[in-house]
Amino acid sequence: MIEGILGGLVASAAFLLFLHRLRPSIKISPVISKRVTDNNTIYQIKIVNTGSRNAIRLEAELESIKLRVVPNGHTQTSQSIKLKKSVVNFLFTYKHSEIEDKGSYRFSTEENLDEIFDEDSNNYLRFRLFAVDEMLNFGKLFTVEYKVYRNSIIEGDFEHGDSVNVT
């Protein structure tokens, strides 16, 4: 009887591990690029689909998080930052042989992140992305927090391909 229970637990764990590997795999840039043009400033966060299958129904949000001291601890308040486009219906898996960047996407905002996220405040930025595997319909939530101002916003543009470096 104990062997049956242990066998069932091992089989369940193996199945859950197998299902875990079937969720999307997305790489999110650890920095935000800042491009200054004649008329405006554009901030971008790059994502790359590093999984083995395409991702669908990608939903992104960018928030400014403010830490406040309250009796007996801290609390957080959040304010949404408007992205130009927050929903992407389809993202190919990245292939190194392609000249086009079909496996990556850049979420953009024109809101002044420098004012929201400065060195002297307790603010930081949080980017969340939810993506679904196209074949099995399993989803996964990805989160990146940009906490140190001088290390988080870099002037320039992202490199081509699966790189998340800013040049």
N, C-alpha and C. Protein backbone atom coordinates (compact mmCIF):
# COMPACT_ATOMS: atom_id res chain seq x y z
N MET A 1 0.82 -1.19 0.00
CA MET A 1 0.00 0.00 0.00
C MET A 1 0.87 1.27 0.00
N ILE A 2 1.92 1.30 0.79
CA ILE A 2 2.80 2.46 0.84
C ILE A 2 3.48 2.64 -0.51
N GLU A 3 3.84 1.52 -1.16
CA GLU A 3 4.48 1.63 -2.48
C GLU A 3 3.54 2.29 -3.48
N GLY A 4 2.26 1.98 -3.41
CA GLY A 4 1.28 2.58 -4.31
C GLY A 4 1.13 4.08 -4.08
N ILE A 5 1.11 4.48 -2.83
CA ILE A 5 1.00 5.91 -2.51
C ILE A 5 2.25 6.64 -2.97
N LEU A 6 3.42 6.10 -2.67
CA LEU A 6 4.67 6.74 -3.10
C LEU A 6 4.76 6.80 -4.63
N GLY A 7 4.35 5.72 -5.29
CA GLY A 7 4.36 5.71 -6.76
C GLY A 7 3.45 6.78 -7.33
N GLY A 8 2.27 6.95 -6.71
CA GLY A 8 1.33 7.98 -7.14
C GLY A 8 1.89 9.38 -6.94
N LEU A 9 2.56 9.60 -5.81
CA LEU A 9 3.16 10.91 -5.53
C LEU A 9 4.28 11.22 -6.52
N VAL A 10 5.12 10.23 -6.81
CA VAL A 10 6.21 10.43 -7.77
C VAL A 10 5.64 10.71 -9.16
N ALA A 11 4.62 9.96 -9.56
CA ALA A 11 4.01 10.17 -10.87
C ALA A 11 3.37 11.56 -10.96
N SER A 12 2.70 11.99 -9.89
CA SER A 12 2.08 13.32 -9.87
C SER A 12 3.14 14.42 -9.96
N ALA A 13 4.23 14.26 -9.22
CA ALA A 13 5.30 15.26 -9.26
C ALA A 13 5.93 15.33 -10.64
N ALA A 14 6.14 14.18 -11.27
CA ALA A 14 6.72 14.16 -12.61
C ALA A 14 5.78 14.83 -13.61
N PHE A 15 4.48 14.58 -13.49
CA PHE A 15 3.50 15.19 -14.38
C PHE A 15 3.46 16.71 -14.20
N LEU A 16 3.50 17.18 -12.95
CA LEU A 16 3.49 18.63 -12.69
C LEU A 16 4.76 19.28 -13.22
N LEU A 17 5.90 18.62 -13.09
CA LEU A 17 7.14 19.15 -13.64
C LEU A 17 7.06 19.22 -15.16
N PHE A 18 6.48 18.22 -15.78
CA PHE A 18 6.29 18.21 -17.23
C PHE A 18 5.39 19.37 -17.66
N LEU A 19 4.30 19.59 -16.95
CA LEU A 19 3.40 20.70 -17.29
C LEU A 19 4.06 22.05 -17.08
N HIS A 20 4.89 22.16 -16.04
CA HIS A 20 5.59 23.41 -15.77
C HIS A 20 6.50 23.80 -16.93
N ARG A 21 7.11 22.83 -17.58
CA ARG A 21 8.01 23.11 -18.70
C ARG A 21 7.26 23.51 -19.97
N LEU A 22 5.96 23.32 -20.01
CA LEU A 22 5.18 23.64 -21.20
C LEU A 22 4.67 25.07 -21.22
N ARG A 23 4.94 25.83 -20.18
CA ARG A 23 4.49 27.22 -20.13
C ARG A 23 5.45 28.08 -20.95
N PRO A 24 5.03 29.29 -21.32
CA PRO A 24 5.90 30.17 -22.11
C PRO A 24 7.20 30.51 -21.39
N SER A 25 8.21 30.82 -22.18
CA SER A 25 9.49 31.27 -21.64
C SER A 25 9.80 32.62 -22.29
N ILE A 26 9.77 33.67 -21.50
CA ILE A 26 9.95 35.03 -22.00
C ILE A 26 11.11 35.67 -21.26
N LYS A 27 12.01 36.30 -22.02
CA LYS A 27 13.10 37.08 -21.41
C LYS A 27 12.70 38.54 -21.47
N ILE A 28 12.81 39.22 -20.32
CA ILE A 28 12.44 40.64 -20.22
C ILE A 28 13.70 41.44 -19.93
N SER A 29 13.84 42.57 -20.61
CA SER A 29 15.04 43.39 -20.43
C SER A 29 15.17 43.85 -18.98
N PRO A 30 16.39 43.77 -18.44
CA PRO A 30 16.61 44.21 -17.07
C PRO A 30 16.71 45.74 -16.95
N VAL A 31 16.69 46.44 -18.09
CA VAL A 31 16.75 47.89 -18.11
C VAL A 31 15.67 48.43 -19.03
N ILE A 32 15.41 49.72 -18.91
CA ILE A 32 14.46 50.42 -19.77
C ILE A 32 15.26 51.33 -20.68
N SER A 33 15.00 51.26 -21.99
CA SER A 33 15.72 52.14 -22.91
C SER A 33 14.97 53.47 -23.01
N LYS A 34 15.75 54.52 -23.20
CA LYS A 34 15.20 55.88 -23.32
C LYS A 34 15.73 56.46 -24.62
N ARG A 35 14.81 56.75 -25.55
CA ARG A 35 15.20 57.37 -26.82
C ARG A 35 14.59 58.75 -26.90
N VAL A 36 15.45 59.74 -27.11
CA VAL A 36 15.00 61.12 -27.21
C VAL A 36 14.97 61.49 -28.69
N THR A 37 13.80 61.93 -29.16
CA THR A 37 13.66 62.39 -30.54
C THR A 37 13.39 63.90 -30.50
N ASP A 38 13.15 64.49 -31.66
CA ASP A 38 12.91 65.93 -31.72
C ASP A 38 11.69 66.36 -30.89
N ASN A 39 10.64 65.58 -30.98
CA ASN A 39 9.38 65.99 -30.35
C ASN A 39 9.09 65.35 -29.00
N ASN A 40 9.65 64.17 -28.73
CA ASN A 40 9.28 63.49 -27.49
C ASN A 40 10.36 62.49 -27.06
N THR A 41 10.11 61.91 -25.91
CA THR A 41 10.98 60.88 -25.35
C THR A 41 10.17 59.59 -25.25
N ILE A 42 10.76 58.50 -25.71
CA ILE A 42 10.09 57.20 -25.68
C ILE A 42 10.89 56.27 -24.79
N TYR A 43 10.20 55.63 -23.87
CA TYR A 43 10.79 54.63 -22.99
C TYR A 43 10.29 53.26 -23.45
N GLN A 44 11.19 52.27 -23.50
CA GLN A 44 10.81 50.95 -23.99
C GLN A 44 11.33 49.84 -23.09
N ILE A 45 10.54 48.77 -23.01
CA ILE A 45 10.94 47.52 -22.34
C ILE A 45 10.83 46.43 -23.39
N LYS A 46 11.92 45.69 -23.59
CA LYS A 46 11.96 44.67 -24.63
C LYS A 46 11.72 43.29 -24.03
N ILE A 47 10.93 42.49 -24.75
CA ILE A 47 10.72 41.10 -24.37
C ILE A 47 11.13 40.21 -25.54
N VAL A 48 11.58 39.00 -25.25
CA VAL A 48 11.97 38.03 -26.27
C VAL A 48 11.35 36.69 -25.90
N ASN A 49 10.69 36.07 -26.87
CA ASN A 49 10.11 34.74 -26.66
C ASN A 49 11.22 33.71 -26.84
N THR A 50 11.75 33.19 -25.76
CA THR A 50 12.84 32.21 -25.81
C THR A 50 12.32 30.78 -25.73
N GLY A 51 11.02 30.61 -25.71
CA GLY A 51 10.43 29.28 -25.62
C GLY A 51 10.49 28.53 -26.93
N SER A 52 10.04 27.30 -26.90
CA SER A 52 10.07 26.46 -28.10
C SER A 52 8.82 26.61 -28.96
N ARG A 53 7.79 27.30 -28.41
CA ARG A 53 6.56 27.53 -29.17
C ARG A 53 6.17 29.00 -29.10
N ASN A 54 5.28 29.39 -29.98
CA ASN A 54 4.80 30.77 -30.02
C ASN A 54 3.98 31.08 -28.77
N ALA A 55 3.92 32.35 -28.42
CA ALA A 55 3.12 32.81 -27.29
C ALA A 55 1.94 33.62 -27.81
N ILE A 56 0.82 33.51 -27.13
CA ILE A 56 -0.38 34.25 -27.52
C ILE A 56 -0.91 35.02 -26.31
N ARG A 57 -1.80 35.96 -26.59
CA ARG A 57 -2.50 36.75 -25.56
C ARG A 57 -1.54 37.32 -24.52
N LEU A 58 -0.54 38.04 -24.97
CA LEU A 58 0.40 38.67 -24.06
C LEU A 58 -0.22 39.97 -23.54
N GLU A 59 -0.26 40.12 -22.24
CA GLU A 59 -0.82 41.31 -21.61
C GLU A 59 0.22 41.91 -20.68
N ALA A 60 0.52 43.19 -20.87
CA ALA A 60 1.57 43.85 -20.08
C ALA A 60 1.00 45.01 -19.29
N GLU A 61 1.65 45.28 -18.15
CA GLU A 61 1.33 46.47 -17.37
C GLU A 61 2.61 47.00 -16.75
N LEU A 62 2.68 48.32 -16.67
CA LEU A 62 3.80 49.01 -16.04
C LEU A 62 3.22 49.88 -14.94
N GLU A 63 3.80 49.76 -13.75
CA GLU A 63 3.28 50.50 -12.60
C GLU A 63 4.40 51.23 -11.88
N SER A 64 4.05 52.36 -11.33
CA SER A 64 4.93 53.06 -10.41
C SER A 64 4.52 52.64 -9.00
N ILE A 65 5.47 52.11 -8.25
CA ILE A 65 5.20 51.65 -6.89
C ILE A 65 5.83 52.65 -5.92
N LYS A 66 5.03 53.10 -4.98
CA LYS A 66 5.51 54.05 -3.99
C LYS A 66 5.44 53.38 -2.61
N LEU A 67 6.57 53.37 -1.92
CA LEU A 67 6.62 52.81 -0.57
C LEU A 67 6.28 53.91 0.43
N ARG A 68 5.42 53.57 1.38
CA ARG A 68 5.06 54.52 2.42
C ARG A 68 5.24 53.86 3.78
N VAL A 69 5.67 54.65 4.73
CA VAL A 69 5.82 54.17 6.09
C VAL A 69 4.47 54.34 6.79
N VAL A 70 4.02 53.26 7.40
CA VAL A 70 2.78 53.27 8.19
C VAL A 70 3.12 52.71 9.57
N PRO A 71 2.26 52.90 10.54
CA PRO A 71 2.56 52.34 11.86
C PRO A 71 2.85 50.84 11.77
N ASN A 72 3.93 50.42 12.36
CA ASN A 72 4.35 49.01 12.41
C ASN A 72 4.80 48.43 11.07
N GLY A 73 5.25 49.27 10.12
CA GLY A 73 5.75 48.70 8.87
C GLY A 73 5.67 49.63 7.69
N HIS A 74 5.60 49.02 6.51
CA HIS A 74 5.53 49.74 5.24
C HIS A 74 4.34 49.24 4.45
N THR A 75 3.89 50.06 3.52
CA THR A 75 2.85 49.67 2.59
C THR A 75 3.22 50.18 1.21
N GLN A 76 2.60 49.61 0.19
CA GLN A 76 2.87 50.03 -1.18
C GLN A 76 1.58 50.54 -1.81
N THR A 77 1.72 51.60 -2.59
CA THR A 77 0.62 52.06 -3.43
C THR A 77 1.12 52.04 -4.86
N SER A 78 0.24 51.74 -5.78
CA SER A 78 0.67 51.65 -7.17
C SER A 78 -0.16 52.58 -8.04
N GLN A 79 0.49 53.04 -9.09
CA GLN A 79 -0.18 53.88 -10.08
C GLN A 79 0.18 53.33 -11.45
N SER A 80 -0.82 53.09 -12.25
CA SER A 80 -0.60 52.53 -13.59
C SER A 80 0.04 53.56 -14.51
N ILE A 81 0.97 53.10 -15.33
CA ILE A 81 1.62 53.92 -16.35
C ILE A 81 1.11 53.43 -17.70
N LYS A 82 0.59 54.34 -18.49
CA LYS A 82 -0.03 53.97 -19.77
C LYS A 82 1.02 53.54 -20.78
N LEU A 83 0.86 52.31 -21.29
CA LEU A 83 1.68 51.82 -22.38
C LEU A 83 0.97 52.13 -23.69
N LYS A 84 1.74 52.39 -24.76
CA LYS A 84 1.12 52.66 -26.06
C LYS A 84 0.24 51.49 -26.48
N LYS A 85 0.73 50.29 -26.27
CA LYS A 85 -0.03 49.08 -26.56
C LYS A 85 0.28 48.09 -25.45
N SER A 86 -0.74 47.63 -24.75
CA SER A 86 -0.50 46.74 -23.62
C SER A 86 -0.86 45.29 -23.91
N VAL A 87 -1.50 45.02 -25.04
CA VAL A 87 -1.88 43.66 -25.40
C VAL A 87 -1.30 43.32 -26.77
N VAL A 88 -0.62 42.19 -26.83
CA VAL A 88 -0.09 41.66 -28.09
C VAL A 88 -0.71 40.29 -28.27
N ASN A 89 -1.35 40.07 -29.41
CA ASN A 89 -2.07 38.82 -29.61
C ASN A 89 -1.17 37.63 -29.92
N PHE A 90 0.00 37.88 -30.52
CA PHE A 90 0.83 36.75 -30.98
C PHE A 90 2.29 37.17 -31.01
N LEU A 91 3.17 36.31 -30.52
CA LEU A 91 4.60 36.54 -30.57
C LEU A 91 5.29 35.24 -30.96
N PHE A 92 5.98 35.27 -32.10
CA PHE A 92 6.70 34.08 -32.57
C PHE A 92 7.79 33.70 -31.58
N THR A 93 8.20 32.45 -31.63
CA THR A 93 9.37 32.04 -30.89
C THR A 93 10.59 32.60 -31.62
N TYR A 94 11.62 33.01 -30.88
CA TYR A 94 12.78 33.63 -31.50
C TYR A 94 13.62 32.60 -32.22
N LYS A 95 13.99 32.94 -33.47
CA LYS A 95 14.88 32.08 -34.27
C LYS A 95 16.08 32.91 -34.68
N HIS A 96 17.27 32.40 -34.41
CA HIS A 96 18.51 33.15 -34.68
C HIS A 96 18.74 33.39 -36.16
N SER A 97 18.12 32.60 -37.03
CA SER A 97 18.37 32.73 -38.47
C SER A 97 17.58 33.87 -39.11
N GLU A 98 16.64 34.46 -38.39
CA GLU A 98 15.79 35.49 -38.98
C GLU A 98 16.45 36.87 -38.92
N ILE A 99 16.26 37.62 -39.98
CA ILE A 99 16.72 39.00 -40.02
C ILE A 99 15.72 39.89 -39.28
N GLU A 100 14.44 39.58 -39.44
CA GLU A 100 13.38 40.32 -38.76
C GLU A 100 13.30 39.87 -37.31
N ASP A 101 12.91 40.78 -36.44
CA ASP A 101 12.74 40.46 -35.02
C ASP A 101 11.32 39.99 -34.74
N LYS A 102 10.92 38.86 -35.27
CA LYS A 102 9.56 38.37 -35.04
C LYS A 102 9.38 37.79 -33.65
N GLY A 103 10.47 37.42 -33.00
CA GLY A 103 10.38 36.80 -31.69
C GLY A 103 10.57 37.77 -30.54
N SER A 104 10.58 39.08 -30.85
CA SER A 104 10.72 40.06 -29.77
C SER A 104 9.71 41.18 -29.97
N TYR A 105 9.46 41.90 -28.88
CA TYR A 105 8.53 43.02 -28.93
C TYR A 105 8.98 44.06 -27.92
N ARG A 106 8.70 45.31 -28.22
CA ARG A 106 9.07 46.41 -27.32
C ARG A 106 7.81 47.14 -26.87
N PHE A 107 7.55 47.07 -25.58
CA PHE A 107 6.44 47.83 -25.01
C PHE A 107 6.93 49.25 -24.75
N SER A 108 6.15 50.23 -25.17
CA SER A 108 6.58 51.63 -25.13
C SER A 108 5.62 52.50 -24.33
N THR A 109 6.19 53.56 -23.76
CA THR A 109 5.39 54.60 -23.12
C THR A 109 6.06 55.94 -23.39
N GLU A 110 5.23 56.97 -23.44
CA GLU A 110 5.74 58.33 -23.58
C GLU A 110 5.61 59.11 -22.29
N GLU A 111 5.11 58.47 -21.24
CA GLU A 111 5.05 59.14 -19.94
C GLU A 111 6.47 59.33 -19.43
N ASN A 112 6.70 60.44 -18.76
CA ASN A 112 8.05 60.78 -18.32
C ASN A 112 8.43 59.93 -17.09
N LEU A 113 9.14 58.84 -17.35
CA LEU A 113 9.54 57.94 -16.27
C LEU A 113 10.61 58.56 -15.39
N ASP A 114 11.38 59.51 -15.93
CA ASP A 114 12.40 60.17 -15.12
C ASP A 114 11.78 60.94 -13.97
N GLU A 115 10.61 61.55 -14.18
CA GLU A 115 9.94 62.29 -13.12
C GLU A 115 9.31 61.34 -12.10
N ILE A 116 8.74 60.25 -12.59
CA ILE A 116 8.08 59.29 -11.71
C ILE A 116 9.09 58.55 -10.86
N PHE A 117 10.22 58.24 -11.46
CA PHE A 117 11.20 57.32 -10.88
C PHE A 117 12.52 58.05 -10.72
N ASP A 118 12.68 58.79 -9.64
CA ASP A 118 13.92 59.54 -9.46
C ASP A 118 14.73 58.98 -8.31
N GLU A 119 15.98 59.43 -8.23
CA GLU A 119 16.93 58.88 -7.26
C GLU A 119 16.56 59.14 -5.81
N ASP A 120 15.88 60.24 -5.54
CA ASP A 120 15.64 60.64 -4.16
C ASP A 120 14.37 60.08 -3.55
N SER A 121 13.58 59.37 -4.32
CA SER A 121 12.30 58.90 -3.79
C SER A 121 12.34 57.41 -3.48
N ASN A 122 11.26 56.95 -2.88
CA ASN A 122 11.10 55.53 -2.60
C ASN A 122 10.32 54.83 -3.71
N ASN A 123 10.21 55.48 -4.86
CA ASN A 123 9.49 54.89 -5.98
C ASN A 123 10.34 53.86 -6.70
N TYR A 124 9.67 52.90 -7.29
CA TYR A 124 10.32 52.02 -8.25
C TYR A 124 9.27 51.60 -9.27
N LEU A 125 9.71 51.01 -10.35
CA LEU A 125 8.81 50.61 -11.43
C LEU A 125 8.69 49.09 -11.44
N ARG A 126 7.47 48.62 -11.71
CA ARG A 126 7.24 47.18 -11.82
C ARG A 126 6.58 46.89 -13.16
N PHE A 127 7.17 45.98 -13.92
CA PHE A 127 6.62 45.56 -15.20
C PHE A 127 6.15 44.12 -15.06
N ARG A 128 4.91 43.88 -15.44
CA ARG A 128 4.36 42.53 -15.41
C ARG A 128 3.89 42.15 -16.80
N LEU A 129 4.10 40.88 -17.12
CA LEU A 129 3.69 40.35 -18.42
C LEU A 129 3.07 38.99 -18.20
N PHE A 130 1.89 38.80 -18.76
CA PHE A 130 1.25 37.48 -18.73
C PHE A 130 1.20 36.97 -20.16
N ALA A 131 1.69 35.75 -20.38
CA ALA A 131 1.72 35.15 -21.71
C ALA A 131 1.18 33.73 -21.64
N VAL A 132 0.60 33.28 -22.76
CA VAL A 132 -0.01 31.96 -22.85
C VAL A 132 0.66 31.18 -23.96
N ASP A 133 0.92 29.88 -23.72
CA ASP A 133 1.46 29.00 -24.75
C ASP A 133 0.38 28.74 -25.80
N GLU A 134 0.75 28.85 -27.07
CA GLU A 134 -0.26 28.75 -28.13
C GLU A 134 -0.87 27.37 -28.28
N MET A 135 -0.14 26.32 -27.97
CA MET A 135 -0.65 24.98 -28.20
C MET A 135 -1.44 24.43 -27.01
N LEU A 136 -0.92 24.61 -25.81
CA LEU A 136 -1.53 23.98 -24.64
C LEU A 136 -2.35 24.94 -23.78
N ASN A 137 -2.29 26.23 -24.10
CA ASN A 137 -3.08 27.23 -23.39
C ASN A 137 -2.69 27.38 -21.92
N PHE A 138 -1.45 27.06 -21.57
CA PHE A 138 -0.94 27.29 -20.22
C PHE A 138 -0.32 28.68 -20.18
N GLY A 139 -0.61 29.42 -19.12
CA GLY A 139 -0.10 30.78 -19.00
C GLY A 139 0.94 30.90 -17.91
N LYS A 140 1.67 32.01 -17.96
CA LYS A 140 2.68 32.29 -16.95
C LYS A 140 2.79 33.80 -16.78
N LEU A 141 2.99 34.23 -15.53
CA LEU A 141 3.18 35.63 -15.21
C LEU A 141 4.66 35.90 -14.98
N PHE A 142 5.18 36.93 -15.63
CA PHE A 142 6.57 37.35 -15.49
C PHE A 142 6.58 38.73 -14.85
N THR A 143 7.51 38.97 -13.93
CA THR A 143 7.59 40.26 -13.25
C THR A 143 9.04 40.72 -13.18
N VAL A 144 9.27 41.99 -13.51
CA VAL A 144 10.59 42.60 -13.34
C VAL A 144 10.38 43.91 -12.60
N GLU A 145 11.22 44.15 -11.60
CA GLU A 145 11.16 45.40 -10.85
C GLU A 145 12.42 46.20 -11.13
N TYR A 146 12.22 47.47 -11.47
CA TYR A 146 13.32 48.39 -11.75
C TYR A 146 13.44 49.31 -10.54
N LYS A 147 14.41 49.00 -9.66
CA LYS A 147 14.47 49.66 -8.36
C LYS A 147 15.52 50.76 -8.26
N VAL A 148 16.63 50.65 -8.93
CA VAL A 148 17.71 51.64 -8.82
C VAL A 148 17.69 52.51 -10.06
N TYR A 149 17.37 53.79 -9.92
CA TYR A 149 17.16 54.68 -11.05
C TYR A 149 18.32 54.69 -12.04
N ARG A 150 19.52 54.94 -11.56
CA ARG A 150 20.66 55.11 -12.48
C ARG A 150 21.04 53.81 -13.20
N ASN A 151 20.61 52.67 -12.69
CA ASN A 151 20.89 51.40 -13.35
C ASN A 151 19.72 50.89 -14.18
N SER A 152 18.57 51.55 -14.09
CA SER A 152 17.36 51.02 -14.72
C SER A 152 16.97 51.70 -16.02
N ILE A 153 17.26 52.98 -16.18
CA ILE A 153 16.90 53.70 -17.40
C ILE A 153 18.19 54.10 -18.09
N ILE A 154 18.37 53.58 -19.31
CA ILE A 154 19.60 53.83 -20.06
C ILE A 154 19.24 54.47 -21.40
N GLU A 155 19.89 55.56 -21.72
CA GLU A 155 19.63 56.24 -22.98
C GLU A 155 20.24 55.43 -24.12
N GLY A 156 19.43 55.19 -25.14
CA GLY A 156 19.87 54.42 -26.31
C GLY A 156 18.73 53.54 -26.80
N ASP A 157 19.09 52.57 -27.63
CA ASP A 157 18.09 51.66 -28.20
C ASP A 157 18.57 50.22 -27.99
N PHE A 158 17.62 49.31 -27.95
CA PHE A 158 17.96 47.90 -27.77
C PHE A 158 18.65 47.35 -29.02
N GLU A 159 19.57 46.44 -28.81
CA GLU A 159 20.24 45.76 -29.92
C GLU A 159 19.25 44.86 -30.64
N HIS A 160 19.57 44.52 -31.87
CA HIS A 160 18.74 43.64 -32.68
C HIS A 160 18.80 42.21 -32.13
N GLY A 161 17.78 41.44 -32.39
CA GLY A 161 17.79 40.03 -32.06
C GLY A 161 17.31 39.76 -30.65
N ASP A 162 17.87 38.70 -30.07
CA ASP A 162 17.41 38.28 -28.75
C ASP A 162 18.15 39.00 -27.62
N SER A 163 19.01 39.94 -27.96
CA SER A 163 19.74 40.69 -26.94
C SER A 163 18.82 41.70 -26.26
N VAL A 164 19.01 41.88 -24.96
CA VAL A 164 18.26 42.90 -24.23
C VAL A 164 19.22 44.02 -23.77
N ASN A 165 20.36 44.13 -24.45
CA ASN A 165 21.32 45.19 -24.15
C ASN A 165 20.94 46.46 -24.88
N VAL A 166 21.24 47.60 -24.25
CA VAL A 166 20.97 48.91 -24.85
C VAL A 166 22.30 49.48 -25.31
N THR A 167 22.31 49.99 -26.58
CA THR A 167 23.52 50.61 -27.10
C THR A 167 23.28 52.07 -27.42
